[in-house]
C-alpha atoms as a PDB file:
ATOM      1  CA  MET A   1      45.320 128.623 134.109  1.00  0.00           C
ATOM      2  CA  SER A   2      45.907 125.487 132.024  1.00  0.00           C
ATOM      3  CA  LEU A   3      45.364 125.598 128.287  1.00  0.00           C
ATOM      4  CA  ASN A   4      42.049 124.381 126.913  1.00  0.00           C
ATOM      5  CA  GLU A   5      41.760 121.633 124.303  1.00  0.00           C
ATOM      6  CA  PHE A   6      41.548 124.084 121.421  1.00  0.00           C
ATOM      7  CA  GLN A   7      44.737 125.893 122.520  1.00  0.00           C
ATOM      8  CA  ILE A   8      46.630 122.633 122.998  1.00  0.00           C
ATOM      9  CA  ARG A   9      45.570 121.394 119.573  1.00  0.00           C
ATOM     10  CA  SER A  10      46.486 124.740 118.017  1.00  0.00           C
ATOM     11  CA  TYR A  11      49.951 124.602 119.542  1.00  0.00           C
ATOM     12  CA  HIS A  12      50.606 121.079 118.287  1.00  0.00           C
ATOM     13  CA  ASP A  13      49.186 121.839 114.842  1.00  0.00           C
ATOM     14  CA  ARG A  14      50.858 125.202 114.271  1.00  0.00           C
ATOM     15  CA  GLY A  15      53.968 124.898 116.469  1.00  0.00           C
ATOM     16  CA  PHE A  16      53.157 127.984 118.530  1.00  0.00           C
ATOM     17  CA  LEU A  17      50.467 129.687 120.559  1.00  0.00           C
ATOM     18  CA  SER A  18      50.164 133.473 120.852  1.00  0.00           C
ATOM     19  CA  PRO A  19      49.174 135.505 122.733  1.00  0.00           C
ATOM     20  CA  VAL A  20      48.649 133.940 126.164  1.00  0.00           C
ATOM     21  CA  ASP A  21      47.424 136.367 128.829  1.00  0.00           C
ATOM     22  CA  ALA A  22      49.361 136.116 132.067  1.00  0.00           C
ATOM     23  CA  PHE A  23      50.015 139.158 134.287  1.00  0.00           C
ATOM     24  CA  ASN A  24      47.996 142.148 135.368  1.00  0.00           C
ATOM     25  CA  ARG A  25      49.212 145.754 135.473  1.00  0.00           C
ATOM     26  CA  ASP A  26      50.361 145.605 139.109  1.00  0.00           C
ATOM     27  CA  ASP A  27      52.330 142.431 138.438  1.00  0.00           C
ATOM     28  CA  MET A  28      54.038 144.008 135.472  1.00  0.00           C
ATOM     29  CA  GLU A  29      54.848 147.256 137.283  1.00  0.00           C
ATOM     30  CA  ARG A  30      56.598 145.280 140.024  1.00  0.00           C
ATOM     31  CA  LEU A  31      58.423 143.135 137.494  1.00  0.00           C
ATOM     32  CA  GLN A  32      59.517 146.130 135.425  1.00  0.00           C
ATOM     33  CA  ARG A  33      60.842 147.896 138.539  1.00  0.00           C
ATOM     34  CA  ALA A  34      62.804 144.775 139.471  1.00  0.00           C
ATOM     35  CA  PHE A  35      64.189 144.523 135.970  1.00  0.00           C
ATOM     36  CA  ASP A  36      65.163 148.226 135.963  1.00  0.00           C
ATOM     37  CA  ASP A  37      67.012 147.760 139.258  1.00  0.00           C
ATOM     38  CA  PHE A  38      68.777 144.708 137.880  1.00  0.00           C
ATOM     39  CA  GLU A  39      69.787 146.563 134.727  1.00  0.00           C
ATOM     40  CA  GLN A  40      71.143 149.468 136.762  1.00  0.00           C
ATOM     41  CA  GLN A  41      73.169 147.068 138.885  1.00  0.00           C
ATOM     42  CA  CYS A  42      74.654 145.611 135.685  1.00  0.00           C
ATOM     43  CA  LEU A  43      75.494 149.048 134.331  1.00  0.00           C
ATOM     44  CA  ASP A  44      77.149 150.042 137.613  1.00  0.00           C
ATOM     45  CA  ARG A  45      79.137 146.788 137.830  1.00  0.00           C
ATOM     46  CA  SER A  46      80.183 145.866 134.307  1.00  0.00           C
ATOM     47  CA  GLY A  47      78.123 147.473 131.552  1.00  0.00           C
ATOM     48  CA  PRO A  48      75.043 146.703 129.407  1.00  0.00           C
ATOM     49  CA  ILE A  49      73.150 143.435 129.814  1.00  0.00           C
ATOM     50  CA  VAL A  50      73.216 142.461 126.136  1.00  0.00           C
ATOM     51  CA  GLY A  51      76.503 140.831 125.203  1.00  0.00           C
ATOM     52  CA  SER A  52      77.434 140.055 128.792  1.00  0.00           C
ATOM     53  CA  PRO A  53      76.901 136.905 130.906  1.00  0.00           C
ATOM     54  CA  MET A  54      74.083 138.773 132.665  1.00  0.00           C
ATOM     55  CA  GLN A  55      71.961 138.386 129.545  1.00  0.00           C
ATOM     56  CA  PHE A  56      71.552 134.719 130.425  1.00  0.00           C
ATOM     57  CA  ARG A  57      70.040 132.733 133.320  1.00  0.00           C
ATOM     58  CA  PRO A  58      69.127 135.633 135.660  1.00  0.00           C
ATOM     59  CA  HIS A  59      66.961 133.154 137.574  1.00  0.00           C
ATOM     60  CA  LEU A  60      70.196 131.843 139.138  1.00  0.00           C
ATOM     61  CA  HIS A  61      71.066 135.103 140.896  1.00  0.00           C
ATOM     62  CA  GLN A  62      67.989 137.391 140.774  1.00  0.00           C
ATOM     63  CA  PRO A  63      64.983 136.531 142.996  1.00  0.00           C
ATOM     64  CA  TRP A  64      62.553 138.329 140.689  1.00  0.00           C
ATOM     65  CA  ALA A  65      63.627 136.100 137.763  1.00  0.00           C
ATOM     66  CA  ALA A  66      63.617 132.947 139.915  1.00  0.00           C
ATOM     67  CA  ALA A  67      60.025 133.775 140.923  1.00  0.00           C
ATOM     68  CA  LEU A  68      58.986 134.544 137.335  1.00  0.00           C
ATOM     69  CA  VAL A  69      60.092 131.182 135.877  1.00  0.00           C
ATOM     70  CA  ARG A  70      58.034 129.478 138.624  1.00  0.00           C
ATOM     71  CA  ARG A  71      54.850 131.540 138.189  1.00  0.00           C
ATOM     72  CA  PRO A  72      51.779 129.340 137.685  1.00  0.00           C
ATOM     73  CA  GLU A  73      50.524 131.762 135.023  1.00  0.00           C
ATOM     74  CA  ILE A  74      53.390 130.414 132.846  1.00  0.00           C
ATOM     75  CA  LEU A  75      53.876 126.921 134.242  1.00  0.00           C
ATOM     76  CA  ASP A  76      50.217 125.876 133.978  1.00  0.00           C
ATOM     77  CA  PRO A  77      50.108 126.409 130.184  1.00  0.00           C
ATOM     78  CA  VAL A  78      53.577 124.826 129.823  1.00  0.00           C
ATOM     79  CA  GLU A  79      52.425 121.796 131.823  1.00  0.00           C
ATOM     80  CA  SER A  80      49.500 121.429 129.433  1.00  0.00           C
ATOM     81  CA  ILE A  81      52.068 120.801 126.681  1.00  0.00           C
ATOM     82  CA  ILE A  82      54.993 118.940 128.265  1.00  0.00           C
ATOM     83  CA  GLY A  83      53.600 117.487 131.484  1.00  0.00           C
ATOM     84  CA  PRO A  84      53.988 118.162 135.224  1.00  0.00           C
ATOM     85  CA  ASP A  85      57.723 117.612 135.762  1.00  0.00           C
ATOM     86  CA  ILE A  86      59.362 120.747 134.359  1.00  0.00           C
ATOM     87  CA  LEU A  87      62.942 122.081 134.094  1.00  0.00           C
ATOM     88  CA  VAL A  88      64.186 125.448 132.953  1.00  0.00           C
ATOM     89  CA  TYR A  89      66.909 124.584 130.481  1.00  0.00           C
ATOM     90  CA  HIS A  90      67.957 128.139 129.625  1.00  0.00           C
ATOM     91  CA  LEU A  91      66.814 131.766 129.833  1.00  0.00           C
ATOM     92  CA  THR A  92      67.788 134.687 127.624  1.00  0.00           C
ATOM     93  CA  ILE A  93      67.009 138.407 127.979  1.00  0.00           C
ATOM     94  CA  TRP A  94      66.152 139.912 124.571  1.00  0.00           C
ATOM     95  CA  ILE A  95      66.478 143.675 124.260  1.00  0.00           C
ATOM     96  CA  LYS A  96      66.033 145.703 121.091  1.00  0.00           C
ATOM     97  CA  GLU A  97      66.849 149.364 121.556  1.00  0.00           C
ATOM     98  CA  PRO A  98      64.790 152.071 119.813  1.00  0.00           C
ATOM     99  CA  GLY A  99      65.729 152.368 116.143  1.00  0.00           C
ATOM    100  CA  ALA A 100      68.404 149.668 116.392  1.00  0.00           C
ATOM    101  CA  GLU A 101      69.044 147.362 113.458  1.00  0.00           C
ATOM    102  CA  SER A 102      69.196 144.314 115.697  1.00  0.00           C
ATOM    103  CA  TYR A 103      67.363 141.333 114.260  1.00  0.00           C
ATOM    104  CA  VAL A 104      67.030 137.574 114.614  1.00  0.00           C
ATOM    105  CA  SER A 105      67.440 135.402 111.517  1.00  0.00           C
ATOM    106  CA  TRP A 106      65.178 132.505 110.632  1.00  0.00           C
ATOM    107  CA  HIS A 107      66.163 129.572 112.756  1.00  0.00           C
ATOM    108  CA  GLN A 108      65.043 126.721 114.998  1.00  0.00           C
ATOM    109  CA  ASP A 109      65.862 126.777 118.682  1.00  0.00           C
ATOM    110  CA  SER A 110      66.769 123.110 118.490  1.00  0.00           C
ATOM    111  CA  THR A 111      69.861 123.576 116.330  1.00  0.00           C
ATOM    112  CA  TYR A 112      72.456 123.977 119.060  1.00  0.00           C
ATOM    113  CA  PHE A 113      70.403 122.880 122.086  1.00  0.00           C
ATOM    114  CA  GLY A 114      71.346 119.212 121.743  1.00  0.00           C
ATOM    115  CA  LEU A 115      68.080 117.918 123.222  1.00  0.00           C
ATOM    116  CA  ASP A 116      66.342 114.612 122.677  1.00  0.00           C
ATOM    117  CA  PRO A 117      63.443 114.294 122.089  1.00  0.00           C
ATOM    118  CA  PHE A 118      62.299 117.558 120.470  1.00  0.00           C
ATOM    119  CA  VAL A 119      59.835 118.579 123.151  1.00  0.00           C
ATOM    120  CA  HIS A 120      61.403 121.845 124.369  1.00  0.00           C
ATOM    121  CA  VAL A 121      58.945 124.774 124.506  1.00  0.00           C
ATOM    122  CA  THR A 122      59.942 128.439 124.781  1.00  0.00           C
ATOM    123  CA  ALA A 123      57.808 130.913 126.686  1.00  0.00           C
ATOM    124  CA  TRP A 124      58.588 134.433 125.416  1.00  0.00           C
ATOM    125  CA  VAL A 125      57.396 136.853 128.106  1.00  0.00           C
ATOM    126  CA  ALA A 126      56.826 140.475 127.113  1.00  0.00           C
ATOM    127  CA  LEU A 127      58.176 142.943 129.727  1.00  0.00           C
ATOM    128  CA  THR A 128      57.306 145.725 127.277  1.00  0.00           C
ATOM    129  CA  GLY A 129      55.055 145.818 124.278  1.00  0.00           C
ATOM    130  CA  ALA A 130      56.316 143.822 121.284  1.00  0.00           C
ATOM    131  CA  SER A 131      54.467 145.085 118.225  1.00  0.00           C
ATOM    132  CA  GLU A 132      55.297 144.371 114.628  1.00  0.00           C
ATOM    133  CA  GLU A 133      56.962 147.760 114.365  1.00  0.00           C
ATOM    134  CA  MET A 134      59.063 146.891 117.431  1.00  0.00           C
ATOM    135  CA  GLY A 135      60.299 143.684 115.867  1.00  0.00           C
ATOM    136  CA  CYS A 136      58.049 141.009 117.384  1.00  0.00           C
ATOM    137  CA  MET A 137      58.615 137.380 116.570  1.00  0.00           C
ATOM    138  CA  ARG A 138      57.313 135.953 113.320  1.00  0.00           C
ATOM    139  CA  MET A 139      56.513 132.249 112.937  1.00  0.00           C
ATOM    140  CA  ILE A 140      55.974 129.800 110.129  1.00  0.00           C
ATOM    141  CA  PRO A 141      52.928 127.738 111.119  1.00  0.00           C
ATOM    142  CA  GLY A 142      53.410 124.016 110.937  1.00  0.00           C
ATOM    143  CA  SER A 143      57.153 124.250 110.208  1.00  0.00           C
ATOM    144  CA  HIS A 144      57.932 122.105 113.261  1.00  0.00           C
ATOM    145  CA  HIS A 145      56.449 119.142 111.363  1.00  0.00           C
ATOM    146  CA  ARG A 146      59.398 119.383 108.930  1.00  0.00           C
ATOM    147  CA  GLY A 147      61.776 118.086 111.567  1.00  0.00           C
ATOM    148  CA  GLU A 148      65.211 119.580 112.102  1.00  0.00           C
ATOM    149  CA  VAL A 149      66.099 121.730 109.085  1.00  0.00           C
ATOM    150  CA  PRO A 150      69.750 121.956 107.982  1.00  0.00           C
ATOM    151  CA  LEU A 151      71.405 125.361 108.346  1.00  0.00           C
ATOM    152  CA  ASP A 152      72.143 127.253 105.149  1.00  0.00           C
ATOM    153  CA  GLU A 153      74.884 129.351 106.658  1.00  0.00           C
ATOM    154  CA  VAL A 154      76.505 130.598 109.835  1.00  0.00           C
ATOM    155  CA  ARG A 155      76.532 134.385 109.597  1.00  0.00           C
ATOM    156  CA  THR A 156      78.875 136.877 111.241  1.00  0.00           C
ATOM    157  CA  ASP A 157      76.831 140.045 111.495  1.00  0.00           C
ATOM    158  CA  ALA A 158      77.049 142.686 114.236  1.00  0.00           C
ATOM    159  CA  SER A 159      73.270 143.240 114.050  1.00  0.00           C
ATOM    160  CA  LEU A 160      72.378 139.559 114.335  1.00  0.00           C
ATOM    161  CA  MET A 161      71.271 138.816 117.881  1.00  0.00           C
ATOM    162  CA  LEU A 162      72.008 135.079 117.603  1.00  0.00           C
ATOM    163  CA  ARG A 163      75.602 134.853 118.812  1.00  0.00           C
ATOM    164  CA  ALA A 164      76.066 131.457 117.177  1.00  0.00           C
ATOM    165  CA  GLY A 165      74.984 132.936 113.854  1.00  0.00           C
ATOM    166  CA  GLN A 166      72.636 130.152 112.707  1.00  0.00           C
ATOM    167  CA  VAL A 167      70.633 130.973 109.599  1.00  0.00           C
ATOM    168  CA  VAL A 168      67.961 129.042 107.731  1.00  0.00           C
ATOM    169  CA  THR A 169      66.999 130.517 104.351  1.00  0.00           C
ATOM    170  CA  VAL A 170      63.269 131.156 104.086  1.00  0.00           C
ATOM    171  CA  ASP A 171      61.439 132.384 101.015  1.00  0.00           C
ATOM    172  CA  GLU A 172      58.832 134.538 102.748  1.00  0.00           C
ATOM    173  CA  SER A 173      56.870 134.964  99.533  1.00  0.00           C
ATOM    174  CA  SER A 174      56.011 131.274  99.545  1.00  0.00           C
ATOM    175  CA  GLU A 175      55.483 130.808 103.296  1.00  0.00           C
ATOM    176  CA  ALA A 176      52.497 131.723 105.469  1.00  0.00           C
ATOM    177  CA  VAL A 177      54.497 133.892 107.890  1.00  0.00           C
ATOM    178  CA  VAL A 178      52.534 134.954 110.982  1.00  0.00           C
ATOM    179  CA  ALA A 179      53.542 137.876 113.217  1.00  0.00           C
ATOM    180  CA  THR A 180      53.010 137.328 116.940  1.00  0.00           C
ATOM    181  CA  PRO A 181      52.758 140.774 118.576  1.00  0.00           C
ATOM    182  CA  LEU A 182      52.436 140.844 122.337  1.00  0.00           C
ATOM    183  CA  GLU A 183      51.224 143.358 124.883  1.00  0.00           C
ATOM    184  CA  VAL A 184      52.884 143.915 128.232  1.00  0.00           C
ATOM    185  CA  GLY A 185      52.252 140.910 130.472  1.00  0.00           C
ATOM    186  CA  GLN A 186      51.417 138.466 127.654  1.00  0.00           C
ATOM    187  CA  PHE A 187      53.614 135.660 126.441  1.00  0.00           C
ATOM    188  CA  SER A 188      53.844 133.292 123.508  1.00  0.00           C
ATOM    189  CA  LEU A 189      54.770 129.609 123.374  1.00  0.00           C
ATOM    190  CA  HIS A 190      56.660 128.034 120.517  1.00  0.00           C
ATOM    191  CA  HIS A 191      58.025 124.557 119.738  1.00  0.00           C
ATOM    192  CA  THR A 192      61.772 124.046 119.473  1.00  0.00           C
ATOM    193  CA  LEU A 193      61.491 123.078 115.785  1.00  0.00           C
ATOM    194  CA  THR A 194      59.263 126.004 114.756  1.00  0.00           C
ATOM    195  CA  LEU A 195      60.994 128.318 112.304  1.00  0.00           C
ATOM    196  CA  HIS A 196      60.905 131.859 113.636  1.00  0.00           C
ATOM    197  CA  ALA A 197      62.621 135.209 113.234  1.00  0.00           C
ATOM    198  CA  SER A 198      62.227 138.870 114.183  1.00  0.00           C
ATOM    199  CA  GLY A 199      63.052 142.179 112.573  1.00  0.00           C
ATOM    200  CA  ALA A 200      64.484 145.498 113.707  1.00  0.00           C
ATOM    201  CA  ASN A 201      62.820 147.846 116.192  1.00  0.00           C
ATOM    202  CA  ARG A 202      61.482 150.756 114.127  1.00  0.00           C
ATOM    203  CA  THR A 203      59.977 152.650 117.060  1.00  0.00           C
ATOM    204  CA  ARG A 204      61.224 154.995 119.753  1.00  0.00           C
ATOM    205  CA  GLN A 205      60.541 152.506 122.514  1.00  0.00           C
ATOM    206  CA  ARG A 206      62.598 149.626 123.860  1.00  0.00           C
ATOM    207  CA  ARG A 207      61.430 146.092 123.231  1.00  0.00           C
ATOM    208  CA  ILE A 208      62.290 143.756 126.138  1.00  0.00           C
ATOM    209  CA  GLY A 209      61.346 140.133 126.575  1.00  0.00           C
ATOM    210  CA  LEU A 210      62.499 137.011 128.365  1.00  0.00           C
ATOM    211  CA  GLY A 211      62.824 133.746 126.440  1.00  0.00           C
ATOM    212  CA  ILE A 212      62.420 130.904 128.937  1.00  0.00           C
ATOM    213  CA  SER A 213      63.257 127.429 127.707  1.00  0.00           C
ATOM    214  CA  TYR A 214      61.228 124.696 129.411  1.00  0.00           C
ATOM    215  CA  ILE A 215      61.745 120.959 129.027  1.00  0.00           C
ATOM    216  CA  PRO A 216      60.234 117.890 130.747  1.00  0.00           C
ATOM    217  CA  THR A 217      62.606 116.125 133.119  1.00  0.00           C
ATOM    218  CA  SER A 218      62.545 113.093 130.813  1.00  0.00           C
ATOM    219  CA  CYS A 219      64.357 115.084 128.113  1.00  0.00           C
ATOM    220  CA  ARG A 220      68.119 114.726 127.896  1.00  0.00           C
ATOM    221  CA  CYS A 221      71.074 116.532 126.379  1.00  0.00           C
ATOM    222  CA  THR A 222      72.919 114.453 123.769  1.00  0.00           C
ATOM    223  CA  ALA A 223      76.253 116.291 124.143  1.00  0.00           C
ATOM    224  CA  GLY A 224      79.130 114.735 126.025  1.00  0.00           C
ATOM    225  CA  GLN A 225      79.323 117.851 128.206  1.00  0.00           C
ATOM    226  CA  ARG A 226      76.951 117.546 131.128  1.00  0.00           C
ATOM    227  CA  VAL A 227      74.876 120.672 131.755  1.00  0.00           C
ATOM    228  CA  ASN A 228      72.723 122.195 134.471  1.00  0.00           C
ATOM    229  CA  ALA A 229      68.989 122.920 134.651  1.00  0.00           C
ATOM    230  CA  THR A 230      66.497 124.230 137.220  1.00  0.00           C
ATOM    231  CA  LEU A 231      63.595 122.139 138.491  1.00  0.00           C
ATOM    232  CA  VAL A 232      60.593 124.480 138.718  1.00  0.00           C
ATOM    233  CA  ARG A 233      57.665 122.047 139.021  1.00  0.00           C
ATOM    234  CA  GLY A 234      57.184 118.402 139.933  1.00  0.00           C
ATOM    235  CA  SER A 235      60.056 116.003 140.491  1.00  0.00           C
ATOM    236  CA  ASP A 236      63.099 114.793 138.582  1.00  0.00           C
ATOM    237  CA  ARG A 237      63.206 111.001 138.393  1.00  0.00           C
ATOM    238  CA  TYR A 238      65.789 110.893 135.586  1.00  0.00           C
ATOM    239  CA  GLY A 239      68.880 112.828 136.705  1.00  0.00           C
ATOM    240  CA  HIS A 240      69.879 113.922 133.202  1.00  0.00           C
ATOM    241  CA  PHE A 241      70.957 117.322 134.508  1.00  0.00           C
ATOM    242  CA  ASP A 242      72.657 118.751 137.577  1.00  0.00           C
ATOM    243  CA  LEU A 243      69.994 120.816 139.344  1.00  0.00           C
ATOM    244  CA  GLU A 244      70.503 124.469 140.189  1.00  0.00           C
ATOM    245  CA  GLU A 245      69.465 126.228 143.373  1.00  0.00           C
ATOM    246  CA  PRO A 246      67.267 129.364 143.604  1.00  0.00           C
ATOM    247  CA  PRO A 247      69.082 132.526 144.699  1.00  0.00           C
ATOM    248  CA  ARG A 248      68.941 133.678 148.279  1.00  0.00           C
ATOM    249  CA  ARG A 249      69.597 137.345 147.537  1.00  0.00           C
ATOM    250  CA  ALA A 250      70.123 139.470 144.426  1.00  0.00           C
ATOM    251  CA  ALA A 251      73.567 138.993 142.888  1.00  0.00           C
ATOM    252  CA  ASP A 252      75.148 137.391 145.950  1.00  0.00           C
ATOM    253  CA  GLU A 253      78.420 135.444 145.606  1.00  0.00           C
ATOM    254  CA  ARG A 254      76.647 132.089 145.641  1.00  0.00           C
ATOM    255  CA  GLY A 255      74.278 133.026 142.832  1.00  0.00           C
ATOM    256  CA  LEU A 256      76.931 134.604 140.656  1.00  0.00           C
ATOM    257  CA  SER A 257      79.236 131.647 141.174  1.00  0.00           C
ATOM    258  CA  GLN A 258      76.412 129.329 140.166  1.00  0.00           C
ATOM    259  CA  LEU A 259      75.834 131.435 137.024  1.00  0.00           C
ATOM    260  CA  GLU A 260      79.511 131.270 136.051  1.00  0.00           C
ATOM    261  CA  HIS A 261      79.671 127.478 136.504  1.00  0.00           C
ATOM    262  CA  SER A 262      76.380 126.976 134.663  1.00  0.00           C
ATOM    263  CA  LEU A 263      77.433 129.101 131.686  1.00  0.00           C
ATOM    264  CA  GLN A 264      80.824 127.422 131.442  1.00  0.00           C
ATOM    265  CA  ARG A 265      79.077 124.096 130.993  1.00  0.00           C
ATOM    266  CA  TRP A 266      76.434 125.587 128.707  1.00  0.00           C
ATOM    267  CA  ASN A 267      78.987 127.234 126.406  1.00  0.00           C
ATOM    268  CA  ALA A 268      81.052 124.010 126.244  1.00  0.00           C
ATOM    269  CA  MET A 269      77.946 122.071 125.287  1.00  0.00           C
ATOM    270  CA  ARG A 270      76.997 124.636 122.656  1.00  0.00           C
ATOM    271  CA  LYS A 271      80.513 124.536 121.177  1.00  0.00           C
ATOM    272  CA  GLU A 272      80.368 120.746 120.972  1.00  0.00           C
ATOM    273  CA  THR A 273      76.892 120.752 119.442  1.00  0.00           C
ATOM    274  CA  LYS A 274      77.767 123.522 116.973  1.00  0.00           C
ATOM    275  CA  THR A 275      80.832 121.559 115.795  1.00  0.00           C
ATOM    276  CA  ARG A 276      78.605 118.556 115.205  1.00  0.00           C
ATOM    277  CA  VAL A 277      76.158 120.635 113.140  1.00  0.00           C
ATOM    278  CA  LEU A 278      78.937 122.285 111.102  1.00  0.00           C
ATOM    279  CA  ASN A 279      80.517 118.898 110.337  1.00  0.00           C
ATOM    280  CA  ARG A 280      77.158 117.768 108.965  1.00  0.00           C
ATOM    281  CA  MET A 281      77.020 120.925 106.813  1.00  0.00           C
ATOM    282  CA  ALA A 282      80.490 120.208 105.456  1.00  0.00           C
ATOM    283  CA  HIS A 283      79.442 116.787 104.251  1.00  0.00           C
END
């Protein structure tokens, strides 16, 4: 279902919208079983998802993920914000284990994404509950109106879930920080410039979500390295990205090869963009 006028205005005013109801219990049970099977395949083949290439872009080699990023329950609200021609730019699996110290520092998604204009929207889909105690995302309303905020530091911290280590210093005592807890089957939407963070999981349950990055086909990557994207709705009249194919079967050679090629380009782009950001910091 598309967003109503109030929801659209709220997103543009605040820089996020949460929660958005999406999937019923049967949908989620099927999705959770598919995810469990995928995770077991990863454990049998190479080890845990987090920290491995399998943490990223499962829609390139897992039919359940390819179907999820194309679900109208997500795409209809996204279309209400960015229009009918939609690409998946990236997808990340976020897992916080029970009692783990894993956290996400204050940051903007835009920092190393290299996109122009700033119209990227992230749909964060809850495969499990994501309460405040479990370390749900927290947002600073209206922070996207500040534009791109310079990084204060790049942190090397084993508990920090952002591999690139980007950190923006936020004085939470002077900001109107809003927690965005989600129930199973709900998702949130946030703007690429919205400052957000999340804390540790203080419960005995896992917190699992998928962060799906959607952009309109008119958006482009400013890096010299060309990157891939997946057309999930409408048509691409611009050709700014090389388009990826949906998987035929789970983890077949074609899908895994596509993942490897896609991530090679993605990581090269991120390295180039990070160097550009760090050079700005140095000056």
